[in-house]
Amino acid sequence: MKLLLDSTRCQGYGRCQEPAPELIDLDEWGYAQVLVSDVPAEGAGVAEDAVALCPNSALRLVK
C-alpha cells in the first residue's frame, strides 16, 4: 500500500501527523511530508487514520 500526498492541497493543519508520526512529518511551516510512501501492513491502520483526518483530502492510500 502506498501513501501519497498532493502537496498542492495541503493547508498545513498538521492533523495527519498525529496518528502516524512514523509515516508523516511536518515541515517548518506545518505542511505534511510523507516519510514512508510504502506503508507496511502493520502501519495500514495509522495510515488510514491519517488520510481520514486530512480536512483537504491531500493524502490518499493506493493499494
Protein backbone atom coordinates (compact mmCIF):
# COMPACT_ATOMS: atom_id res chain seq x y z
CA MET A 1 0.00 0.00 0.00
CA LYS A 2 1.32 3.46 -0.90
CA LEU A 3 0.68 6.70 0.96
CA LEU A 4 0.51 9.60 -1.48
CA LEU A 5 0.44 13.34 -0.78
CA ASP A 6 -0.93 16.01 -3.08
CA SER A 7 1.11 18.89 -1.67
CA THR A 8 -0.96 21.45 -3.58
CA ARG A 9 -3.97 20.50 -1.43
CA CYS A 10 -2.16 20.53 1.93
CA GLN A 11 -3.05 23.59 4.02
CA GLY A 12 -0.72 22.84 6.93
CA TYR A 13 -3.25 21.83 9.58
CA GLY A 14 -0.94 19.03 10.75
CA ARG A 15 -3.77 16.74 11.85
CA CYS A 16 -2.48 13.89 9.66
CA GLN A 17 0.78 13.61 11.55
CA GLU A 18 -0.78 12.93 14.96
CA PRO A 19 -1.75 9.28 14.33
CA ALA A 20 1.19 8.50 12.04
CA PRO A 21 4.41 10.30 13.06
CA GLU A 22 6.45 7.40 11.67
CA LEU A 23 4.88 7.95 8.22
CA ILE A 24 4.34 11.72 8.06
CA ASP A 25 6.43 14.65 9.21
CA LEU A 26 5.65 18.36 9.12
CA ASP A 27 7.98 20.91 7.61
CA GLU A 28 8.89 24.17 9.36
CA TRP A 29 5.61 25.75 8.19
CA GLY A 30 3.45 22.80 9.24
CA TYR A 31 2.93 21.26 5.82
CA ALA A 32 2.93 17.48 5.53
CA GLN A 33 5.79 15.46 4.11
CA VAL A 34 5.49 11.73 3.59
CA LEU A 35 8.44 9.96 5.22
CA VAL A 36 7.49 6.43 4.16
CA SER A 37 5.45 6.06 0.99
CA ASP A 38 5.41 2.23 1.04
CA VAL A 39 3.29 1.56 4.12
CA PRO A 40 3.99 -1.78 5.81
CA ALA A 41 0.98 -3.97 6.64
CA GLU A 42 1.28 -3.20 10.35
CA GLY A 43 1.08 0.53 9.59
CA ALA A 44 -2.08 0.37 7.49
CA GLY A 45 -4.38 1.38 10.34
CA VAL A 46 -2.49 4.55 11.25
CA ALA A 47 -2.11 5.45 7.57
CA GLU A 48 -5.88 5.15 7.12
CA ASP A 49 -6.41 7.34 10.20
CA ALA A 50 -4.06 9.98 8.80
CA VAL A 51 -5.90 10.02 5.48
CA ALA A 52 -9.26 10.31 7.25
CA LEU A 53 -8.07 13.24 9.39
CA CYS A 54 -6.92 15.37 6.47
CA PRO A 55 -9.58 18.08 6.02
CA ASN A 56 -8.45 18.83 2.44
CA SER A 57 -8.05 15.26 1.18
CA ALA A 58 -4.38 15.87 0.44
CA LEU A 59 -3.47 12.30 1.45
CA ARG A 60 -4.63 9.06 -0.11
CA LEU A 61 -3.79 5.38 0.03
CA VAL A 62 -3.32 3.32 -3.10
CA LYS A 63 -3.34 -0.47 -2.88
